[in-house]
Amino acid sequence: MPTDIEAYREQIRSFIADQGLRLHREGVRVPRDSDEERTIRGWLRSLYEAGYLGAGWPPGWGGRPGHLPVHDLALMEELIRGDAYRPLDQVMLASHAIIAFGTEKQKQELLPRIRSAEHIWCQLFSEPDAGSDLAALRTRAEPDGDGFLVTGQKIWSTDAQWADMGMLVARTDPAVERHAGITAFVVPMNLPGIEVRPIREMTGFAEFCEVFLDGVRLGPEHVLGDVNGGWKVLTSGLASERAFVGANAVQLDRMFSDLISLATAARQPDGTTALEHEDVQAHLATALARVEEVKLIVRDTVDRILDDNEHPSDGPVAKLAYTETNVALTELAMQLITSSTSIDDDGLEIADRWYHNYLWGRALTISGGASEIIRGIIGRQLLHLPRA
């Protein structure tokens, strides 16, 4: 593995150019048919076989000598820049949790199937009445012989409709403090009692799902980590995603470039382009300042994470800065589109992309912790404000 990160990036760019599977829409990873599902699984498998995914795993499970977290960040950034289909966050989260907390048998059975893309994973975390407050979950896993019977409902489970496995958290002891008494499980999605209902979004796609669990029987082999120790599994896995927050920031440069192109293509009633107007120039200057600000915040966050010197609020600050700026850019794009009398042919494809981004952007302010929850975390952990 190259120690020179730029050389590593160039390797990835070449790989994407040769084999990359392009996203047909930002935020849409659900295969449209069985042929595309096979193609996606093949692409994910090729990333593992080439050593780009799973390079940080222990050597006995396919890891590569000399791997550093910054290599993972470089991979994600280049996949985004190349419009390539990105590995599912849930796959990376699942592998992290299995490596850190799984039994030897679980590792032997599950990790090879992740590498081969035989198993696609989904998260069974969020619930209708809990939202981003995962400790408020109500799904119960009640003792049943040497195992558990699970009953409850999950929501916003990305890609659950084609996932083979799910990582579930459920309450196993309701009598203790709410962060205790939670257990993590690995769950085959074809077990009796599991019903998956895709949620049709306003984008026209259905990436998220509701998942209903009605007396689902799980054995001791499905427990991940310790019984009642699921909060540790959950938070460890979510923390492993923080180093990838920085990858999203590379999209902001492209989005701003698209804004300039859109302002150039959008014609005003007097025949001029939107870009020729001072008020539009001022809005674009403000947008550029926000983009550069977010890039600095995210880069500082990533550096601290990679140096193992992070503050608990670093990830939330970067996440909030990126997602809220993303929404602001989509709103500015909508203003440019709706205030124009026409858009030339070169701008129509860009405008179509902005329509989708506008509808999708709000999802980013919810996934991984709603902005309201994130602000609360920042207030308590960074500003040391009292709870309301």
Protein backbone atom coordinates (compact mmCIF):
# COMPACT_ATOMS: atom_id res chain seq x y z
CA MET A 1 0.00 0.00 0.00
CA PRO A 2 1.53 3.37 -0.97
CA THR A 3 2.58 5.60 1.89
CA ASP A 4 2.14 8.58 -0.45
CA ILE A 5 -1.56 9.43 -0.18
CA GLU A 6 -1.58 11.23 -3.55
CA ALA A 7 -0.20 8.10 -5.21
CA TYR A 8 -2.92 6.09 -3.48
CA ARG A 9 -5.55 8.53 -4.72
CA GLU A 10 -4.27 8.13 -8.26
CA GLN A 11 -4.57 4.36 -7.97
CA ILE A 12 -8.19 4.73 -6.89
CA ARG A 13 -8.99 7.16 -9.71
CA SER A 14 -7.60 4.72 -12.26
CA PHE A 15 -9.57 1.88 -10.70
CA ILE A 16 -12.80 3.91 -10.82
CA ALA A 17 -12.14 4.93 -14.42
CA ASP A 18 -11.68 1.28 -15.39
CA GLN A 19 -14.43 -0.35 -13.34
CA GLY A 20 -16.43 2.30 -11.49
CA LEU A 21 -20.19 1.95 -11.19
CA ARG A 22 -21.74 5.42 -11.37
CA LEU A 23 -24.57 6.54 -9.12
CA HIS A 24 -27.68 7.29 -11.16
CA ARG A 25 -28.85 9.76 -8.48
CA GLU A 26 -27.17 11.16 -5.38
CA GLY A 27 -28.52 9.39 -2.31
CA VAL A 28 -30.07 6.54 -4.31
CA ARG A 29 -28.40 3.20 -3.75
CA VAL A 30 -31.34 0.84 -4.09
CA PRO A 31 -30.98 -1.37 -7.18
CA ARG A 32 -33.71 -0.84 -9.74
CA ASP A 33 -33.84 -4.50 -10.73
CA SER A 34 -32.10 -7.84 -10.20
CA ASP A 35 -29.54 -7.12 -12.91
CA GLU A 36 -28.47 -3.89 -11.22
CA GLU A 37 -28.33 -5.66 -7.87
CA ARG A 38 -25.87 -8.18 -9.30
CA THR A 39 -23.85 -5.32 -10.77
CA ILE A 40 -23.74 -3.48 -7.44
CA ARG A 41 -22.68 -6.58 -5.54
CA GLY A 42 -19.98 -7.19 -8.13
CA TRP A 43 -18.69 -3.63 -7.76
CA LEU A 44 -18.53 -3.91 -3.96
CA ARG A 45 -16.79 -7.27 -4.26
CA SER A 46 -14.23 -5.77 -6.64
CA LEU A 47 -13.43 -3.00 -4.13
CA TYR A 48 -12.66 -5.64 -1.50
CA GLU A 49 -10.68 -7.83 -3.91
CA ALA A 50 -8.57 -4.85 -4.99
CA GLY A 51 -7.81 -4.11 -1.34
CA TYR A 52 -9.56 -0.74 -1.17
CA LEU A 53 -12.35 -1.89 1.11
CA GLY A 54 -11.49 -3.90 4.20
CA ALA A 55 -7.85 -2.80 4.15
CA GLY A 56 -8.08 -1.82 7.81
CA TRP A 57 -9.33 -5.23 8.92
CA PRO A 58 -6.96 -7.47 10.90
CA PRO A 59 -4.45 -9.24 8.60
CA GLY A 60 -6.08 -12.60 9.21
CA TRP A 61 -9.31 -11.29 7.73
CA GLY A 62 -7.88 -9.61 4.66
CA GLY A 63 -6.36 -6.41 6.03
CA ARG A 64 -3.32 -4.86 4.38
CA PRO A 65 -0.01 -3.91 6.03
CA GLY A 66 0.60 -0.19 6.27
CA HIS A 67 -3.07 0.74 6.14
CA LEU A 68 -4.03 3.98 7.90
CA PRO A 69 -7.44 5.59 8.47
CA VAL A 70 -6.44 8.35 6.05
CA HIS A 71 -6.46 5.71 3.29
CA ASP A 72 -10.14 5.05 4.00
CA LEU A 73 -10.85 8.77 3.85
CA ALA A 74 -9.01 9.07 0.52
CA LEU A 75 -11.05 6.17 -0.87
CA MET A 76 -14.36 7.75 0.08
CA GLU A 77 -13.37 11.16 -1.30
CA GLU A 78 -12.31 9.70 -4.64
CA LEU A 79 -15.46 7.59 -4.94
CA ILE A 80 -17.50 10.75 -4.41
CA ARG A 81 -15.43 12.76 -6.89
CA GLY A 82 -15.81 9.98 -9.44
CA ASP A 83 -19.60 9.69 -8.97
CA ALA A 84 -18.96 6.04 -8.19
CA TYR A 85 -21.40 3.86 -6.29
CA ARG A 86 -20.16 4.10 -2.73
CA PRO A 87 -19.87 1.20 -0.31
CA LEU A 88 -22.78 1.05 2.06
CA ASP A 89 -22.15 2.74 5.38
CA GLN A 90 -24.00 -0.15 6.95
CA VAL A 91 -21.51 -2.64 5.51
CA MET A 92 -18.61 -0.72 7.05
CA LEU A 93 -20.45 -0.28 10.34
CA ALA A 94 -21.32 -3.97 10.50
CA SER A 95 -17.77 -5.11 9.79
CA HIS A 96 -16.37 -2.75 12.42
CA ALA A 97 -18.79 -4.06 15.05
CA ILE A 98 -18.22 -7.71 14.15
CA ILE A 99 -14.43 -7.32 14.28
CA ALA A 100 -14.57 -5.45 17.58
CA PHE A 101 -17.27 -7.42 19.39
CA GLY A 102 -18.07 -10.59 17.45
CA THR A 103 -17.24 -14.11 18.55
CA GLU A 104 -14.72 -16.08 16.54
CA LYS A 105 -17.56 -18.05 14.99
CA GLN A 106 -19.41 -14.87 14.00
CA LYS A 107 -16.27 -13.50 12.37
CA GLN A 108 -15.71 -16.73 10.46
CA GLU A 109 -19.29 -16.85 9.22
CA LEU A 110 -19.97 -13.17 8.53
CA LEU A 111 -16.78 -11.37 7.49
CA PRO A 112 -16.06 -13.46 4.36
CA ARG A 113 -19.66 -12.91 3.22
CA ILE A 114 -19.23 -9.15 3.60
CA ARG A 115 -16.04 -9.25 1.52
CA SER A 116 -17.73 -11.28 -1.21
CA ALA A 117 -20.82 -9.00 -1.16
CA GLU A 118 -22.93 -12.09 -0.54
CA HIS A 119 -24.28 -10.15 2.43
CA ILE A 120 -25.62 -6.63 2.20
CA TRP A 121 -26.39 -5.17 5.63
CA CYS A 122 -28.88 -2.66 6.99
CA GLN A 123 -29.19 -0.87 10.31
CA LEU A 124 -32.17 -1.61 12.55
CA PHE A 125 -31.64 1.32 14.93
CA SER A 126 -34.10 4.22 14.62
CA GLU A 127 -37.71 3.92 15.78
CA PRO A 128 -40.85 5.99 15.15
CA ASP A 129 -41.10 7.33 18.72
CA ALA A 130 -37.37 7.65 19.35
CA GLY A 131 -35.95 9.33 16.25
CA SER A 132 -32.30 10.17 16.77
CA ASP A 133 -32.55 9.43 20.50
CA LEU A 134 -31.54 5.80 20.20
CA ALA A 135 -31.55 5.26 23.95
CA ALA A 136 -35.33 5.78 23.87
CA LEU A 137 -35.89 2.67 21.75
CA ARG A 138 -38.89 0.47 22.62
CA THR A 139 -38.23 -2.67 20.60
CA ARG A 140 -38.10 -5.51 23.12
CA ALA A 141 -35.99 -8.65 23.07
CA GLU A 142 -37.54 -10.84 25.76
CA PRO A 143 -35.88 -14.01 27.07
CA ASP A 144 -37.13 -17.19 25.44
CA GLY A 145 -35.25 -20.32 26.48
CA ASP A 146 -31.61 -19.75 25.57
CA GLY A 147 -32.52 -16.96 23.15
CA PHE A 148 -34.89 -14.02 22.68
CA LEU A 149 -38.20 -13.12 21.08
CA VAL A 150 -38.03 -9.68 19.45
CA THR A 151 -41.05 -7.45 18.91
CA GLY A 152 -41.04 -3.86 17.74
CA GLN A 153 -40.74 -1.49 14.82
CA LYS A 154 -37.76 0.18 13.15
CA ILE A 155 -37.81 3.02 10.63
CA TRP A 156 -35.45 4.80 8.21
CA SER A 157 -33.57 1.54 7.67
CA THR A 158 -31.58 2.25 4.52
CA ASP A 159 -31.70 -0.49 1.88
CA ALA A 160 -33.52 -2.96 4.14
CA GLN A 161 -35.59 -4.17 1.18
CA TRP A 162 -32.57 -5.87 -0.38
CA ALA A 163 -30.39 -6.44 2.68
CA ASP A 164 -29.44 -9.98 3.68
CA MET A 165 -28.49 -9.12 7.25
CA GLY A 166 -29.42 -6.46 9.78
CA MET A 167 -27.64 -5.03 12.81
CA LEU A 168 -30.34 -4.65 15.46
CA VAL A 169 -30.43 -2.98 18.84
CA ALA A 170 -33.25 -3.90 21.21
CA ARG A 171 -34.05 -3.45 24.89
CA THR A 172 -33.39 -6.57 26.92
CA ASP A 173 -33.74 -5.09 30.43
CA PRO A 174 -36.33 -2.29 30.80
CA ALA A 175 -35.70 -1.99 34.55
CA VAL A 176 -32.25 -0.36 34.32
CA GLU A 177 -31.00 3.06 33.20
CA ARG A 178 -31.97 3.63 29.59
CA HIS A 179 -28.46 3.47 28.12
CA ALA A 180 -28.04 0.12 29.85
CA GLY A 181 -30.26 -2.85 29.20
CA ILE A 182 -29.77 -2.66 25.41
CA THR A 183 -28.36 -5.57 23.41
CA ALA A 184 -27.00 -5.67 19.87
CA PHE A 185 -27.86 -8.53 17.51
CA VAL A 186 -26.92 -9.70 14.04
CA VAL A 187 -30.16 -10.65 12.30
CA PRO A 188 -30.78 -12.59 9.06
CA MET A 189 -33.46 -10.53 7.30
CA ASN A 190 -35.30 -13.64 6.07
CA LEU A 191 -36.28 -14.84 9.57
CA PRO A 192 -39.99 -15.46 10.20
CA GLY A 193 -41.71 -12.45 11.75
CA ILE A 194 -39.72 -9.78 9.84
CA GLU A 195 -41.68 -7.57 7.44
CA VAL A 196 -39.98 -4.84 5.40
CA ARG A 197 -42.02 -1.98 3.91
CA PRO A 198 -40.18 0.50 1.66
CA ILE A 199 -41.03 4.17 2.23
CA ARG A 200 -41.66 6.07 -0.99
CA GLU A 201 -39.89 9.42 -0.70
CA MET A 202 -40.73 12.69 -2.40
CA THR A 203 -37.73 12.07 -4.68
CA GLY A 204 -39.74 9.22 -6.20
CA PHE A 205 -37.34 6.62 -4.84
CA ALA A 206 -37.57 4.33 -1.81
CA GLU A 207 -34.20 3.99 -0.15
CA PHE A 208 -35.54 3.91 3.41
CA CYS A 209 -37.81 1.31 4.94
CA GLU A 210 -39.99 0.48 7.89
CA VAL A 211 -39.16 -2.87 9.44
CA PHE A 212 -41.66 -4.70 11.65
CA LEU A 213 -40.51 -7.45 14.00
CA ASP A 214 -43.26 -9.71 15.35
CA GLY A 215 -41.98 -12.41 17.69
CA VAL A 216 -38.71 -12.88 15.79
CA ARG A 217 -36.74 -15.72 17.38
CA LEU A 218 -33.05 -14.99 17.90
CA GLY A 219 -30.63 -17.42 19.45
CA PRO A 220 -27.48 -16.78 21.49
CA GLU A 221 -25.48 -16.98 18.24
CA HIS A 222 -27.17 -13.76 17.12
CA VAL A 223 -26.04 -11.70 20.14
CA LEU A 224 -23.25 -9.28 19.25
CA GLY A 225 -21.08 -8.45 22.23
CA ASP A 226 -22.47 -8.82 25.73
CA VAL A 227 -26.14 -9.09 26.64
CA ASN A 228 -27.14 -5.62 27.91
CA GLY A 229 -23.90 -4.26 26.46
CA GLY A 230 -25.36 -3.07 23.18
CA TRP A 231 -24.87 0.64 23.81
CA LYS A 232 -21.11 0.12 23.70
CA VAL A 233 -21.42 -1.76 20.40
CA LEU A 234 -23.69 0.92 18.98
CA THR A 235 -21.59 3.94 19.92
CA SER A 236 -18.35 2.27 18.88
CA GLY A 237 -19.74 1.52 15.45
CA LEU A 238 -21.14 5.01 14.94
CA ALA A 239 -17.83 6.54 16.04
CA SER A 240 -16.06 4.53 13.34
CA GLU A 241 -17.98 6.51 10.71
CA ARG A 242 -16.69 9.90 11.87
CA ALA A 243 -13.51 9.71 9.83
CA PHE A 244 -15.72 9.65 6.72
CA VAL A 245 -17.49 12.91 7.53
CA GLY A 246 -14.72 14.70 5.67
CA ALA A 247 -15.43 12.76 2.51
CA ASN A 248 -18.75 14.58 2.04
CA ALA A 249 -17.05 17.96 1.95
CA VAL A 250 -15.55 17.23 -1.47
CA GLN A 251 -19.07 17.41 -2.88
CA LEU A 252 -19.37 21.06 -1.89
CA ASP A 253 -16.78 22.19 -4.43
CA ARG A 254 -18.68 20.45 -7.21
CA MET A 255 -21.99 21.82 -5.95
CA PHE A 256 -20.64 25.37 -5.96
CA SER A 257 -19.30 24.85 -9.47
CA ASP A 258 -22.77 23.67 -10.49
CA LEU A 259 -24.24 26.82 -8.94
CA ILE A 260 -21.99 28.98 -11.11
CA SER A 261 -22.98 26.96 -14.19
CA LEU A 262 -26.64 27.27 -13.27
CA ALA A 263 -26.37 31.04 -12.75
CA THR A 264 -24.70 31.28 -16.17
CA ALA A 265 -27.42 29.24 -17.86
CA ALA A 266 -30.39 30.93 -16.15
CA ARG A 267 -31.80 33.80 -18.21
CA GLN A 268 -33.60 36.76 -16.68
CA PRO A 269 -36.54 38.73 -18.18
CA ASP A 270 -34.12 41.38 -19.51
CA GLY A 271 -32.12 38.74 -21.40
CA THR A 272 -29.13 38.79 -19.07
CA THR A 273 -27.86 35.78 -17.13
CA ALA A 274 -28.43 35.50 -13.40
CA LEU A 275 -24.67 35.62 -12.89
CA GLU A 276 -24.56 39.17 -14.25
CA HIS A 277 -26.72 40.52 -11.39
CA GLU A 278 -25.05 41.92 -8.28
CA ASP A 279 -27.53 40.37 -5.84
CA VAL A 280 -26.85 36.91 -7.31
CA GLN A 281 -23.11 37.55 -7.12
CA ALA A 282 -23.50 38.48 -3.45
CA HIS A 283 -25.45 35.28 -2.71
CA LEU A 284 -22.82 33.22 -4.51
CA ALA A 285 -20.02 34.93 -2.58
CA THR A 286 -21.79 34.08 0.69
CA ALA A 287 -22.25 30.50 -0.48
CA LEU A 288 -18.55 30.21 -1.35
CA ALA A 289 -17.58 31.54 2.08
CA ARG A 290 -19.78 28.89 3.71
CA VAL A 291 -18.28 26.15 1.56
CA GLU A 292 -14.73 27.15 2.48
CA GLU A 293 -15.72 27.41 6.15
CA VAL A 294 -17.18 23.89 6.15
CA LYS A 295 -14.09 22.50 4.42
CA LEU A 296 -11.88 23.99 7.13
CA ILE A 297 -14.12 22.65 9.92
CA VAL A 298 -14.26 19.19 8.39
CA ARG A 299 -10.54 19.05 7.64
CA ASP A 300 -9.73 20.02 11.23
CA THR A 301 -12.15 17.38 12.48
CA VAL A 302 -10.66 14.68 10.29
CA ASP A 303 -7.12 15.60 11.28
CA ARG A 304 -8.03 15.37 14.96
CA ILE A 305 -9.74 12.02 14.46
CA LEU A 306 -6.81 10.62 12.50
CA ASP A 307 -4.40 11.89 15.17
CA ASP A 308 -6.59 10.24 17.85
CA ASN A 309 -7.06 13.67 19.43
CA GLU A 310 -10.77 14.22 18.83
CA HIS A 311 -13.26 15.91 21.13
CA PRO A 312 -16.65 14.18 21.45
CA SER A 313 -18.32 17.12 19.69
CA ASP A 314 -15.96 17.17 16.69
CA GLY A 315 -18.00 14.76 14.60
CA PRO A 316 -21.35 16.45 15.38
CA VAL A 317 -19.95 19.92 14.55
CA ALA A 318 -18.65 18.74 11.17
CA LYS A 319 -21.83 16.82 10.40
CA LEU A 320 -24.05 19.81 11.21
CA ALA A 321 -21.87 22.24 9.24
CA TYR A 322 -21.89 20.05 6.13
CA THR A 323 -25.56 19.09 6.06
CA GLU A 324 -26.90 22.58 6.79
CA THR A 325 -24.63 24.13 4.14
CA ASN A 326 -25.76 21.48 1.68
CA VAL A 327 -29.38 22.54 2.26
CA ALA A 328 -28.46 26.23 1.88
CA LEU A 329 -26.85 25.54 -1.51
CA THR A 330 -29.89 23.63 -2.77
CA GLU A 331 -32.18 26.48 -1.66
CA LEU A 332 -30.05 29.01 -3.53
CA ALA A 333 -30.21 26.81 -6.63
CA MET A 334 -34.01 26.72 -6.40
CA GLN A 335 -34.09 30.52 -6.18
CA LEU A 336 -31.99 30.75 -9.34
CA ILE A 337 -34.23 28.30 -11.18
CA THR A 338 -37.57 29.77 -10.13
CA SER A 339 -36.52 33.38 -10.76
CA SER A 340 -35.34 32.70 -14.32
CA THR A 341 -37.48 32.91 -17.42
CA SER A 342 -35.53 30.20 -19.21
CA ILE A 343 -32.52 27.93 -18.83
CA ASP A 344 -30.39 27.13 -21.85
CA ASP A 345 -29.78 23.57 -22.99
CA ASP A 346 -26.43 23.34 -21.21
CA GLY A 347 -28.11 24.10 -17.89
CA LEU A 348 -31.10 21.75 -18.09
CA GLU A 349 -29.20 18.69 -16.86
CA ILE A 350 -27.71 20.73 -14.01
CA ALA A 351 -31.16 22.08 -13.09
CA ASP A 352 -32.59 18.56 -13.07
CA ARG A 353 -29.81 17.47 -10.70
CA TRP A 354 -30.57 20.41 -8.42
CA TYR A 355 -34.26 19.49 -8.23
CA HIS A 356 -33.29 16.06 -6.94
CA ASN A 357 -30.64 17.44 -4.57
CA TYR A 358 -33.18 19.87 -3.14
CA LEU A 359 -35.57 17.05 -2.28
CA TRP A 360 -32.81 14.75 -1.02
CA GLY A 361 -30.85 17.31 1.00
CA ARG A 362 -33.23 17.31 3.97
CA ALA A 363 -32.66 13.60 4.45
CA LEU A 364 -29.01 14.34 5.26
CA THR A 365 -30.07 16.61 8.12
CA ILE A 366 -31.93 13.65 9.65
CA SER A 367 -29.74 10.63 8.96
CA GLY A 368 -26.92 10.05 11.42
CA GLY A 369 -28.69 12.26 13.95
CA ALA A 370 -31.21 15.01 13.25
CA SER A 371 -29.82 18.56 13.29
CA GLU A 372 -31.87 19.34 16.40
CA ILE A 373 -30.30 16.42 18.25
CA ILE A 374 -26.84 17.35 16.98
CA ARG A 375 -27.26 20.92 18.25
CA GLY A 376 -28.17 19.51 21.65
CA ILE A 377 -25.04 17.37 21.69
CA ILE A 378 -22.88 20.36 20.75
CA GLY A 379 -24.54 22.50 23.40
CA ARG A 380 -23.90 19.96 26.15
CA GLN A 381 -20.50 18.60 25.15
CA LEU A 382 -18.81 21.67 23.70
CA LEU A 383 -20.58 24.67 25.21
CA HIS A 384 -21.47 22.91 28.50
CA LEU A 385 -24.99 24.33 28.44
CA PRO A 386 -27.54 22.93 30.91
CA ARG A 387 -30.34 20.70 29.68
CA ALA A 388 -33.56 22.59 29.03
